[in-house]
């Protein structure tokens, strides 16, 4: 079997395979990822691994599905916490997203980028994850008091919010030793959100 559906659960063996795939990606990048290397890490023959994931793309789809489950489930819980203001929930969601990126050393963006450049199931999985992400975040931004008539559309605001996790991912890969992880998850997330969702529509000024 190649991938799991939304209602299926990964077996312990499949979790192990995906963990080894993640480790290999961390160490060697996308170019170094092969089914043979993953099988060696797990202690399988290639034939045995193929019973779970039939190709490199199938492994990447599996990683994306697991990422989607963790990311969207976490965001869904935070977005639904009506004890928090909508501004606080947006900040909570972005902090959760940044924390996931940092924990995975920027690998989610690497996998998403690779997936977006392919066709077939891999590209479909990327689109599915992004649609779920936008659905959750847009539902929050739409609740902002000044969302209607703002300078930027709801979709554009979510795109800008996504910028901080994307920057964090790039720096995780390029400059990991210089990355202020604690400040990124706290003060920088707070400031980023306040600047983006606090912006009022631009007013025309007669000169």
N, C-alpha and C. Protein backbone atom coordinates (compact mmCIF):
# COMPACT_ATOMS: atom_id res chain seq x y z
N UNK A 1 0.84 -1.18 0.00
CA UNK A 1 0.00 0.00 0.00
C UNK A 1 0.87 1.22 0.00
N UNK A 2 0.44 2.28 -0.69
CA UNK A 2 1.27 3.46 -0.86
C UNK A 2 1.01 4.52 0.19
N UNK A 3 -0.22 4.85 0.42
CA UNK A 3 -0.56 5.95 1.31
C UNK A 3 -1.72 5.54 2.19
N UNK A 4 -1.96 6.38 3.23
CA UNK A 4 -3.07 6.14 4.13
C UNK A 4 -4.17 7.15 3.84
N UNK A 5 -5.40 6.74 3.98
CA UNK A 5 -6.49 7.68 3.84
C UNK A 5 -6.66 8.43 5.14
N UNK A 6 -7.52 9.46 5.12
CA UNK A 6 -7.70 10.31 6.29
C UNK A 6 -8.22 9.52 7.48
N UNK A 7 -8.94 8.44 7.26
CA UNK A 7 -9.56 7.70 8.36
C UNK A 7 -8.67 6.57 8.85
N UNK A 8 -7.56 6.30 8.16
CA UNK A 8 -6.68 5.21 8.56
C UNK A 8 -5.60 5.71 9.50
N UNK A 9 -5.08 4.77 10.29
CA UNK A 9 -4.02 5.08 11.23
C UNK A 9 -2.75 4.36 10.81
N UNK A 10 -1.64 5.04 10.94
CA UNK A 10 -0.36 4.42 10.62
C UNK A 10 -0.05 3.30 11.61
N UNK A 11 0.51 2.22 11.10
CA UNK A 11 0.97 1.14 11.97
C UNK A 11 2.30 1.55 12.60
N UNK A 12 2.71 0.90 13.70
CA UNK A 12 4.02 1.21 14.28
C UNK A 12 5.16 1.07 13.27
N UNK A 13 5.07 0.08 12.38
CA UNK A 13 6.11 -0.11 11.38
C UNK A 13 6.15 1.06 10.40
N UNK A 14 4.99 1.53 9.99
CA UNK A 14 4.94 2.67 9.08
C UNK A 14 5.45 3.94 9.75
N UNK A 15 5.14 4.11 11.04
CA UNK A 15 5.68 5.24 11.78
C UNK A 15 7.21 5.16 11.80
N UNK A 16 7.74 3.97 12.02
CA UNK A 16 9.19 3.79 12.04
C UNK A 16 9.80 4.15 10.69
N UNK A 17 9.15 3.70 9.61
CA UNK A 17 9.66 4.01 8.27
C UNK A 17 9.68 5.52 8.04
N UNK A 18 8.60 6.20 8.42
CA UNK A 18 8.55 7.65 8.21
C UNK A 18 9.53 8.38 9.12
N UNK A 19 9.76 7.87 10.33
CA UNK A 19 10.77 8.47 11.21
C UNK A 19 12.16 8.36 10.58
N UNK A 20 12.46 7.21 10.01
CA UNK A 20 13.76 7.01 9.36
C UNK A 20 13.88 7.88 8.11
N UNK A 21 12.78 8.04 7.40
CA UNK A 21 12.77 8.92 6.23
C UNK A 21 13.07 10.36 6.65
N UNK A 22 12.47 10.80 7.75
CA UNK A 22 12.71 12.15 8.27
C UNK A 22 14.16 12.33 8.66
N UNK A 23 14.73 11.33 9.34
CA UNK A 23 16.13 11.41 9.76
C UNK A 23 17.05 11.52 8.54
N UNK A 24 16.77 10.73 7.52
CA UNK A 24 17.59 10.76 6.31
C UNK A 24 17.48 12.12 5.62
N UNK A 25 16.29 12.69 5.59
CA UNK A 25 16.12 14.01 5.00
C UNK A 25 16.92 15.06 5.76
N UNK A 26 16.92 14.97 7.08
CA UNK A 26 17.69 15.91 7.89
C UNK A 26 19.18 15.83 7.55
N UNK A 27 19.67 14.61 7.38
CA UNK A 27 21.10 14.39 7.20
C UNK A 27 21.59 14.63 5.77
N UNK A 28 20.77 14.24 4.79
CA UNK A 28 21.25 14.25 3.41
C UNK A 28 20.41 15.09 2.45
N UNK A 29 19.29 15.64 2.94
CA UNK A 29 18.45 16.44 2.07
C UNK A 29 17.64 15.59 1.11
N UNK A 30 16.88 16.26 0.26
CA UNK A 30 15.99 15.56 -0.66
C UNK A 30 16.76 14.71 -1.66
N UNK A 31 17.92 15.20 -2.11
CA UNK A 31 18.69 14.46 -3.11
C UNK A 31 19.20 13.13 -2.56
N UNK A 32 19.42 13.06 -1.26
CA UNK A 32 19.95 11.84 -0.66
C UNK A 32 18.90 10.83 -0.25
N UNK A 33 17.63 11.18 -0.44
CA UNK A 33 16.55 10.29 -0.04
C UNK A 33 16.29 9.25 -1.13
N UNK A 34 16.48 7.96 -0.79
CA UNK A 34 16.13 6.87 -1.69
C UNK A 34 15.46 5.77 -0.88
N UNK A 35 14.68 4.97 -1.56
CA UNK A 35 14.02 3.85 -0.90
C UNK A 35 15.06 2.90 -0.31
N UNK A 36 16.14 2.68 -1.04
CA UNK A 36 17.19 1.77 -0.57
C UNK A 36 17.79 2.25 0.75
N UNK A 37 18.07 3.56 0.85
CA UNK A 37 18.65 4.10 2.07
C UNK A 37 17.67 4.03 3.24
N UNK A 38 16.41 4.31 2.97
CA UNK A 38 15.40 4.22 4.03
C UNK A 38 15.28 2.78 4.51
N UNK A 39 15.24 1.84 3.59
CA UNK A 39 15.15 0.43 3.96
C UNK A 39 16.33 0.02 4.84
N UNK A 40 17.52 0.50 4.49
CA UNK A 40 18.71 0.17 5.29
C UNK A 40 18.59 0.74 6.70
N UNK A 41 18.05 1.95 6.83
CA UNK A 41 17.88 2.57 8.14
C UNK A 41 16.90 1.79 9.00
N UNK A 42 15.85 1.30 8.36
CA UNK A 42 14.82 0.55 9.10
C UNK A 42 15.30 -0.86 9.41
N UNK A 43 16.23 -1.38 8.58
CA UNK A 43 16.67 -2.76 8.74
C UNK A 43 15.86 -3.71 7.89
N UNK A 44 15.29 -3.19 6.80
CA UNK A 44 14.48 -3.94 5.86
C UNK A 44 15.28 -4.22 4.60
N UNK A 45 14.80 -5.18 3.83
CA UNK A 45 15.19 -5.25 2.43
C UNK A 45 14.32 -4.25 1.67
N UNK A 46 14.76 -3.85 0.48
CA UNK A 46 13.93 -2.95 -0.32
C UNK A 46 12.57 -3.58 -0.61
N UNK A 47 12.55 -4.87 -0.87
CA UNK A 47 11.30 -5.56 -1.18
C UNK A 47 10.33 -5.47 -0.01
N UNK A 48 10.85 -5.59 1.21
CA UNK A 48 9.99 -5.52 2.39
C UNK A 48 9.43 -4.11 2.56
N UNK A 49 10.24 -3.09 2.31
CA UNK A 49 9.76 -1.72 2.46
C UNK A 49 8.71 -1.39 1.41
N UNK A 50 8.89 -1.96 0.20
CA UNK A 50 7.92 -1.70 -0.86
C UNK A 50 6.51 -2.18 -0.51
N UNK A 51 6.39 -3.10 0.44
CA UNK A 51 5.05 -3.54 0.85
C UNK A 51 4.32 -2.43 1.60
N UNK A 52 5.07 -1.47 2.11
CA UNK A 52 4.45 -0.34 2.83
C UNK A 52 4.42 0.92 1.98
N UNK A 53 5.53 1.23 1.33
CA UNK A 53 5.64 2.43 0.49
C UNK A 53 6.39 2.04 -0.79
N UNK A 54 5.74 2.21 -1.92
CA UNK A 54 6.25 1.64 -3.16
C UNK A 54 7.26 2.49 -3.90
N UNK A 55 7.54 3.72 -3.40
CA UNK A 55 8.47 4.60 -4.11
C UNK A 55 8.87 5.74 -3.19
N UNK A 56 9.84 6.54 -3.67
CA UNK A 56 10.23 7.74 -2.95
C UNK A 56 9.05 8.70 -2.82
N UNK A 57 8.28 8.86 -3.89
CA UNK A 57 7.11 9.73 -3.83
C UNK A 57 6.10 9.24 -2.80
N UNK A 58 5.93 7.93 -2.70
CA UNK A 58 5.00 7.39 -1.72
C UNK A 58 5.46 7.70 -0.30
N UNK A 59 6.77 7.66 -0.07
CA UNK A 59 7.31 8.04 1.24
C UNK A 59 7.01 9.51 1.53
N UNK A 60 7.19 10.36 0.53
CA UNK A 60 6.93 11.79 0.73
C UNK A 60 5.46 12.06 0.96
N UNK A 61 4.59 11.34 0.25
CA UNK A 61 3.15 11.48 0.50
C UNK A 61 2.84 11.07 1.93
N UNK A 62 3.46 9.99 2.40
CA UNK A 62 3.26 9.56 3.77
C UNK A 62 3.69 10.62 4.77
N UNK A 63 4.83 11.25 4.51
CA UNK A 63 5.29 12.33 5.39
C UNK A 63 4.32 13.51 5.37
N UNK A 64 3.82 13.85 4.19
CA UNK A 64 2.88 14.96 4.09
C UNK A 64 1.58 14.66 4.80
N UNK A 65 1.11 13.43 4.69
CA UNK A 65 -0.13 13.06 5.38
C UNK A 65 0.05 13.13 6.89
N UNK A 66 1.20 12.68 7.36
CA UNK A 66 1.45 12.74 8.81
C UNK A 66 1.59 14.18 9.27
N UNK A 67 2.27 15.00 8.47
CA UNK A 67 2.39 16.42 8.78
C UNK A 67 1.02 17.09 8.81
N UNK A 68 0.21 16.79 7.81
CA UNK A 68 -1.13 17.38 7.74
C UNK A 68 -1.94 17.02 8.98
N UNK A 69 -1.87 15.75 9.38
CA UNK A 69 -2.63 15.33 10.55
C UNK A 69 -2.23 16.09 11.80
N UNK A 70 -0.93 16.26 12.03
CA UNK A 70 -0.44 16.95 13.22
C UNK A 70 -0.73 18.45 13.16
N UNK A 71 -0.44 19.05 12.00
CA UNK A 71 -0.59 20.50 11.88
C UNK A 71 -2.05 20.92 11.94
N UNK A 72 -2.88 20.31 11.11
CA UNK A 72 -4.27 20.74 11.04
C UNK A 72 -5.05 20.38 12.30
N UNK A 73 -4.73 19.25 12.91
CA UNK A 73 -5.41 18.90 14.16
C UNK A 73 -5.07 19.91 15.25
N UNK A 74 -3.78 20.26 15.35
CA UNK A 74 -3.39 21.25 16.35
C UNK A 74 -4.00 22.61 16.10
N UNK A 75 -3.99 23.05 14.86
CA UNK A 75 -4.58 24.34 14.53
C UNK A 75 -6.08 24.33 14.78
N UNK A 76 -6.73 23.22 14.47
CA UNK A 76 -8.17 23.13 14.67
C UNK A 76 -8.56 23.30 16.13
N UNK A 77 -7.81 22.68 17.01
CA UNK A 77 -8.09 22.80 18.45
C UNK A 77 -7.90 24.24 18.90
N UNK A 78 -6.80 24.85 18.50
CA UNK A 78 -6.52 26.23 18.91
C UNK A 78 -7.54 27.21 18.34
N UNK A 79 -7.91 27.01 17.08
CA UNK A 79 -8.86 27.92 16.43
C UNK A 79 -10.24 27.84 17.06
N UNK A 80 -10.58 26.68 17.62
CA UNK A 80 -11.92 26.47 18.18
C UNK A 80 -12.03 26.89 19.64
N UNK A 81 -10.94 27.34 20.26
CA UNK A 81 -10.95 27.69 21.68
C UNK A 81 -11.56 29.07 21.87
N UNK A 82 -12.87 29.10 22.04
CA UNK A 82 -13.59 30.37 22.11
C UNK A 82 -13.36 31.11 23.43
N UNK A 83 -12.62 30.52 24.34
CA UNK A 83 -12.25 31.24 25.56
C UNK A 83 -11.22 32.32 25.24
N UNK A 84 -10.57 32.20 24.10
CA UNK A 84 -9.56 33.14 23.67
C UNK A 84 -10.14 34.09 22.62
N UNK A 85 -9.67 35.31 22.59
CA UNK A 85 -10.12 36.24 21.55
C UNK A 85 -9.62 35.74 20.19
N UNK A 86 -10.21 36.26 19.13
CA UNK A 86 -9.80 35.81 17.80
C UNK A 86 -8.35 36.21 17.55
N UNK A 87 -7.93 37.37 18.03
CA UNK A 87 -6.54 37.79 17.87
C UNK A 87 -5.59 36.81 18.59
N UNK A 88 -5.96 36.40 19.79
CA UNK A 88 -5.15 35.45 20.55
C UNK A 88 -5.09 34.10 19.86
N UNK A 89 -6.22 33.68 19.28
CA UNK A 89 -6.24 32.39 18.59
C UNK A 89 -5.37 32.39 17.33
N UNK A 90 -5.38 33.51 16.61
CA UNK A 90 -4.50 33.62 15.44
C UNK A 90 -3.05 33.53 15.89
N UNK A 91 -2.70 34.22 16.96
CA UNK A 91 -1.33 34.16 17.47
C UNK A 91 -0.99 32.76 17.95
N UNK A 92 -1.92 32.11 18.66
CA UNK A 92 -1.69 30.74 19.12
C UNK A 92 -1.41 29.80 17.94
N UNK A 93 -2.20 29.95 16.87
CA UNK A 93 -2.04 29.09 15.69
C UNK A 93 -0.69 29.32 15.03
N UNK A 94 -0.29 30.57 14.90
CA UNK A 94 0.99 30.85 14.26
C UNK A 94 2.14 30.34 15.12
N UNK A 95 2.01 30.49 16.43
CA UNK A 95 3.07 30.00 17.33
C UNK A 95 3.19 28.47 17.22
N UNK A 96 2.06 27.80 17.13
CA UNK A 96 2.07 26.34 16.97
C UNK A 96 2.74 25.94 15.66
N UNK A 97 2.42 26.67 14.59
CA UNK A 97 3.01 26.39 13.29
C UNK A 97 4.52 26.59 13.32
N UNK A 98 4.96 27.70 13.86
CA UNK A 98 6.40 27.99 13.95
C UNK A 98 7.11 26.92 14.79
N UNK A 99 6.48 26.53 15.90
CA UNK A 99 7.08 25.52 16.77
C UNK A 99 7.25 24.19 16.03
N UNK A 100 6.27 23.82 15.20
CA UNK A 100 6.39 22.59 14.42
C UNK A 100 7.53 22.68 13.42
N UNK A 101 7.67 23.84 12.78
CA UNK A 101 8.76 24.04 11.82
C UNK A 101 10.11 23.90 12.51
N UNK A 102 10.25 24.54 13.66
CA UNK A 102 11.52 24.50 14.39
C UNK A 102 11.83 23.08 14.89
N UNK A 103 10.81 22.40 15.38
CA UNK A 103 11.00 21.05 15.88
C UNK A 103 11.49 20.11 14.77
N UNK A 104 10.99 20.34 13.56
CA UNK A 104 11.36 19.49 12.42
C UNK A 104 12.53 20.05 11.62
N UNK A 105 13.21 21.08 12.15
CA UNK A 105 14.37 21.68 11.47
C UNK A 105 14.05 22.14 10.05
N UNK A 106 12.86 22.66 9.85
CA UNK A 106 12.49 23.21 8.55
C UNK A 106 12.11 22.20 7.50
N UNK A 107 12.08 20.91 7.85
CA UNK A 107 11.81 19.88 6.84
C UNK A 107 10.41 19.96 6.22
N UNK A 108 9.37 20.37 6.97
CA UNK A 108 8.06 20.44 6.32
C UNK A 108 8.04 21.29 5.06
N UNK A 109 8.71 22.45 5.09
CA UNK A 109 8.73 23.30 3.90
C UNK A 109 9.51 22.63 2.77
N UNK A 110 10.59 21.93 3.12
CA UNK A 110 11.36 21.20 2.11
C UNK A 110 10.49 20.17 1.41
N UNK A 111 9.71 19.42 2.18
CA UNK A 111 8.84 18.39 1.61
C UNK A 111 7.71 19.02 0.81
N UNK A 112 7.14 20.11 1.32
CA UNK A 112 6.08 20.79 0.59
C UNK A 112 6.58 21.34 -0.74
N UNK A 113 7.77 21.91 -0.74
CA UNK A 113 8.33 22.45 -1.97
C UNK A 113 8.58 21.35 -2.99
N UNK A 114 9.14 20.24 -2.52
CA UNK A 114 9.37 19.11 -3.41
C UNK A 114 8.05 18.58 -3.96
N UNK A 115 7.06 18.47 -3.09
CA UNK A 115 5.77 17.95 -3.51
C UNK A 115 5.07 18.83 -4.52
N UNK A 116 5.21 20.15 -4.33
CA UNK A 116 4.53 21.08 -5.23
C UNK A 116 5.10 21.03 -6.64
N UNK A 117 6.36 20.58 -6.78
CA UNK A 117 6.99 20.55 -8.09
C UNK A 117 6.71 19.25 -8.84
N UNK A 118 6.01 18.31 -8.19
CA UNK A 118 5.68 17.04 -8.81
C UNK A 118 4.21 17.02 -9.21
N UNK A 119 3.85 16.07 -10.02
CA UNK A 119 2.46 15.84 -10.34
C UNK A 119 1.91 14.70 -9.49
N UNK A 120 0.76 14.22 -9.86
CA UNK A 120 0.20 13.04 -9.22
C UNK A 120 -0.19 13.22 -7.76
N UNK A 121 -0.09 12.13 -7.01
CA UNK A 121 -0.54 12.12 -5.62
C UNK A 121 0.23 13.09 -4.74
N UNK A 122 1.50 13.28 -5.03
CA UNK A 122 2.32 14.15 -4.20
C UNK A 122 1.83 15.59 -4.28
N UNK A 123 1.59 16.08 -5.49
CA UNK A 123 1.08 17.44 -5.65
C UNK A 123 -0.33 17.57 -5.09
N UNK A 124 -1.14 16.53 -5.26
CA UNK A 124 -2.49 16.54 -4.70
C UNK A 124 -2.46 16.66 -3.18
N UNK A 125 -1.52 15.95 -2.56
CA UNK A 125 -1.42 15.99 -1.11
C UNK A 125 -0.99 17.37 -0.62
N UNK A 126 -0.08 18.02 -1.35
CA UNK A 126 0.31 19.38 -1.00
C UNK A 126 -0.89 20.31 -1.07
N UNK A 127 -1.66 20.22 -2.14
CA UNK A 127 -2.83 21.08 -2.29
C UNK A 127 -3.85 20.81 -1.20
N UNK A 128 -4.03 19.56 -0.85
CA UNK A 128 -4.99 19.20 0.19
C UNK A 128 -4.59 19.80 1.53
N UNK A 129 -3.31 19.70 1.86
CA UNK A 129 -2.82 20.27 3.12
C UNK A 129 -3.01 21.78 3.13
N UNK A 130 -2.65 22.45 2.05
CA UNK A 130 -2.76 23.91 2.01
C UNK A 130 -4.21 24.37 2.06
N UNK A 131 -5.10 23.63 1.40
CA UNK A 131 -6.52 23.99 1.48
C UNK A 131 -7.02 23.91 2.91
N UNK A 132 -6.61 22.85 3.63
CA UNK A 132 -7.01 22.72 5.02
C UNK A 132 -6.46 23.83 5.89
N UNK A 133 -5.21 24.20 5.63
CA UNK A 133 -4.57 25.28 6.40
C UNK A 133 -5.30 26.60 6.17
N UNK A 134 -5.53 26.93 4.90
CA UNK A 134 -6.21 28.18 4.59
C UNK A 134 -7.62 28.21 5.17
N UNK A 135 -8.30 27.09 5.13
CA UNK A 135 -9.67 27.05 5.66
C UNK A 135 -9.70 27.43 7.13
N UNK A 136 -8.78 26.88 7.91
CA UNK A 136 -8.74 27.17 9.35
C UNK A 136 -8.35 28.62 9.60
N UNK A 137 -7.27 29.07 8.95
CA UNK A 137 -6.77 30.40 9.22
C UNK A 137 -7.69 31.49 8.66
N UNK A 138 -8.30 31.26 7.51
CA UNK A 138 -9.22 32.24 6.96
C UNK A 138 -10.46 32.38 7.83
N UNK A 139 -10.89 31.28 8.43
CA UNK A 139 -12.06 31.35 9.30
C UNK A 139 -11.81 32.24 10.50
N UNK A 140 -10.55 32.31 10.94
CA UNK A 140 -10.19 33.19 12.05
C UNK A 140 -10.06 34.64 11.59
N UNK A 141 -9.33 34.85 10.50
CA UNK A 141 -9.11 36.21 10.02
C UNK A 141 -10.43 36.89 9.67
N UNK A 142 -11.38 36.12 9.16
CA UNK A 142 -12.70 36.67 8.81
C UNK A 142 -13.44 37.22 10.01
N UNK A 143 -13.08 36.76 11.21
CA UNK A 143 -13.75 37.20 12.43
C UNK A 143 -13.18 38.51 12.98
N UNK A 144 -12.08 38.98 12.42
CA UNK A 144 -11.50 40.22 12.90
C UNK A 144 -12.47 41.38 12.64
N UNK A 145 -12.57 42.30 13.57
CA UNK A 145 -13.55 43.39 13.43
C UNK A 145 -13.40 44.19 12.14
N UNK A 146 -12.17 44.37 11.67
CA UNK A 146 -11.94 45.19 10.48
C UNK A 146 -11.58 44.35 9.27
N UNK A 147 -11.98 43.07 9.26
CA UNK A 147 -11.62 42.19 8.15
C UNK A 147 -12.26 42.64 6.84
N UNK A 148 -13.52 43.06 6.91
CA UNK A 148 -14.21 43.51 5.71
C UNK A 148 -13.74 44.91 5.32
N UNK A 149 -13.36 45.06 4.08
CA UNK A 149 -12.91 46.36 3.60
C UNK A 149 -11.48 46.68 3.94
N UNK A 150 -10.73 45.72 4.49
CA UNK A 150 -9.34 45.96 4.82
C UNK A 150 -8.50 46.10 3.56
N UNK A 151 -7.31 46.65 3.73
CA UNK A 151 -6.43 46.89 2.59
C UNK A 151 -6.07 45.59 1.88
N UNK A 152 -5.89 44.51 2.66
CA UNK A 152 -5.57 43.21 2.10
C UNK A 152 -6.74 42.26 2.32
N UNK A 153 -6.95 41.35 1.37
CA UNK A 153 -8.03 40.38 1.50
C UNK A 153 -7.71 39.39 2.60
N UNK A 154 -8.72 38.62 2.99
CA UNK A 154 -8.52 37.59 4.02
C UNK A 154 -7.45 36.60 3.57
N UNK A 155 -7.52 36.14 2.32
CA UNK A 155 -6.53 35.20 1.81
C UNK A 155 -5.12 35.81 1.82
N UNK A 156 -5.03 37.07 1.44
CA UNK A 156 -3.72 37.72 1.44
C UNK A 156 -3.15 37.85 2.84
N UNK A 157 -3.99 38.10 3.82
CA UNK A 157 -3.51 38.20 5.20
C UNK A 157 -2.99 36.85 5.70
N UNK A 158 -3.68 35.79 5.35
CA UNK A 158 -3.21 34.46 5.75
C UNK A 158 -1.87 34.16 5.08
N UNK A 159 -1.75 34.53 3.81
CA UNK A 159 -0.48 34.33 3.11
C UNK A 159 0.65 35.06 3.82
N UNK A 160 0.39 36.28 4.28
CA UNK A 160 1.42 37.05 4.98
C UNK A 160 1.74 36.42 6.34
N UNK A 161 0.73 35.92 7.02
CA UNK A 161 0.97 35.24 8.29
C UNK A 161 1.86 34.02 8.09
N UNK A 162 1.68 33.32 6.98
CA UNK A 162 2.49 32.14 6.68
C UNK A 162 3.95 32.48 6.43
N UNK A 163 4.23 33.76 6.20
CA UNK A 163 5.60 34.15 5.90
C UNK A 163 6.58 33.86 7.01
N UNK A 164 6.17 34.03 8.27
CA UNK A 164 7.09 33.81 9.37
C UNK A 164 7.51 32.34 9.49
N UNK A 165 6.58 31.38 9.46
CA UNK A 165 7.01 29.98 9.46
C UNK A 165 7.91 29.64 8.27
N UNK A 166 7.63 30.23 7.11
CA UNK A 166 8.46 29.97 5.93
C UNK A 166 9.88 30.49 6.14
N UNK A 167 9.99 31.70 6.69
CA UNK A 167 11.31 32.26 6.98
C UNK A 167 12.05 31.38 7.98
N UNK A 168 11.34 30.95 9.01
CA UNK A 168 11.95 30.09 10.03
C UNK A 168 12.47 28.80 9.41
N UNK A 169 11.72 28.24 8.47
CA UNK A 169 12.14 27.00 7.82
C UNK A 169 13.42 27.19 7.02
N UNK A 170 13.49 28.29 6.28
CA UNK A 170 14.69 28.57 5.48
C UNK A 170 15.90 28.73 6.39
N UNK A 171 15.75 29.47 7.47
CA UNK A 171 16.86 29.70 8.39
C UNK A 171 17.26 28.42 9.12
N UNK A 172 16.29 27.56 9.39
CA UNK A 172 16.61 26.26 10.00
C UNK A 172 17.57 25.47 9.14
N UNK A 173 17.37 25.55 7.83
CA UNK A 173 18.22 24.80 6.90
C UNK A 173 19.54 25.51 6.61
N UNK A 174 19.50 26.85 6.56
CA UNK A 174 20.67 27.60 6.11
C UNK A 174 21.55 28.11 7.25
N UNK A 175 20.92 28.60 8.33
CA UNK A 175 21.68 29.21 9.43
C UNK A 175 21.17 28.71 10.78
N UNK A 176 21.19 27.41 11.01
CA UNK A 176 20.58 26.87 12.24
C UNK A 176 21.22 27.39 13.52
N UNK A 177 22.51 27.65 13.51
CA UNK A 177 23.18 28.07 14.74
C UNK A 177 22.88 29.52 15.10
N UNK A 178 22.41 30.31 14.13
CA UNK A 178 22.13 31.73 14.38
C UNK A 178 20.65 32.02 14.54
N UNK A 179 19.84 30.98 14.66
CA UNK A 179 18.39 31.16 14.71
C UNK A 179 17.94 31.39 16.15
N UNK A 180 17.31 32.55 16.46
CA UNK A 180 16.83 32.81 17.83
C UNK A 180 15.51 32.09 18.09
N UNK A 181 15.58 30.80 18.35
CA UNK A 181 14.39 29.96 18.41
C UNK A 181 13.37 30.42 19.45
N UNK A 182 13.83 30.72 20.66
CA UNK A 182 12.90 31.11 21.72
C UNK A 182 12.20 32.43 21.37
N UNK A 183 12.95 33.41 20.91
CA UNK A 183 12.35 34.69 20.54
C UNK A 183 11.43 34.55 19.32
N UNK A 184 11.80 33.66 18.41
CA UNK A 184 10.98 33.45 17.22
C UNK A 184 9.61 32.92 17.61
N UNK A 185 9.57 31.99 18.56
CA UNK A 185 8.28 31.40 18.96
C UNK A 185 7.46 32.31 19.85
N UNK A 186 8.08 33.31 20.43
CA UNK A 186 7.36 34.14 21.40
C UNK A 186 7.26 35.59 20.93
N UNK A 187 8.28 36.41 21.24
CA UNK A 187 8.18 37.83 20.92
C UNK A 187 7.97 38.09 19.44
N UNK A 188 8.68 37.34 18.58
CA UNK A 188 8.59 37.61 17.15
C UNK A 188 7.23 37.21 16.58
N UNK A 189 6.67 36.09 17.04
CA UNK A 189 5.32 35.71 16.61
C UNK A 189 4.32 36.77 17.04
N UNK A 190 4.43 37.21 18.28
CA UNK A 190 3.49 38.21 18.81
C UNK A 190 3.56 39.49 17.97
N UNK A 191 4.77 39.96 17.69
CA UNK A 191 4.92 41.19 16.92
C UNK A 191 4.44 41.01 15.48
N UNK A 192 4.77 39.88 14.88
CA UNK A 192 4.37 39.61 13.49
C UNK A 192 2.85 39.64 13.35
N UNK A 193 2.17 38.96 14.27
CA UNK A 193 0.71 38.90 14.21
C UNK A 193 0.10 40.29 14.42
N UNK A 194 0.60 41.00 15.42
CA UNK A 194 0.05 42.33 15.70
C UNK A 194 0.20 43.27 14.52
N UNK A 195 1.33 43.18 13.84
CA UNK A 195 1.55 44.08 12.71
C UNK A 195 0.64 43.72 11.53
N UNK A 196 0.38 42.44 11.34
CA UNK A 196 -0.39 42.03 10.17
C UNK A 196 -1.90 42.13 10.38
N UNK A 197 -2.37 41.70 11.53
CA UNK A 197 -3.83 41.73 11.72
C UNK A 197 -4.31 43.01 12.35
N UNK A 198 -3.37 43.83 12.81
CA UNK A 198 -3.77 45.10 13.41
C UNK A 198 -3.85 46.22 12.40
N UNK A 199 -3.42 45.93 11.15
CA UNK A 199 -3.40 46.99 10.14
C UNK A 199 -4.81 47.37 9.71
N UNK A 200 -5.10 48.63 9.71
CA UNK A 200 -6.39 49.14 9.26
C UNK A 200 -6.30 49.48 7.77
N UNK A 201 -7.45 49.60 7.10
CA UNK A 201 -7.41 49.98 5.69
C UNK A 201 -6.68 51.30 5.47
N UNK A 202 -5.93 51.38 4.39
CA UNK A 202 -5.23 52.63 4.11
C UNK A 202 -6.23 53.70 3.72
N UNK A 203 -6.06 54.89 4.28
CA UNK A 203 -6.97 55.97 4.01
C UNK A 203 -6.40 56.88 2.92
N UNK A 204 -7.29 57.38 2.10
CA UNK A 204 -6.85 58.34 1.09
C UNK A 204 -6.67 59.70 1.72
N UNK A 205 -5.53 60.29 1.50
CA UNK A 205 -5.24 61.58 2.11
C UNK A 205 -5.06 62.60 0.99
N UNK A 206 -5.82 63.67 1.06
CA UNK A 206 -5.69 64.73 0.06
C UNK A 206 -4.43 65.54 0.32
N UNK A 207 -3.67 65.75 -0.71
CA UNK A 207 -2.42 66.52 -0.56
C UNK A 207 -2.58 67.89 -1.20
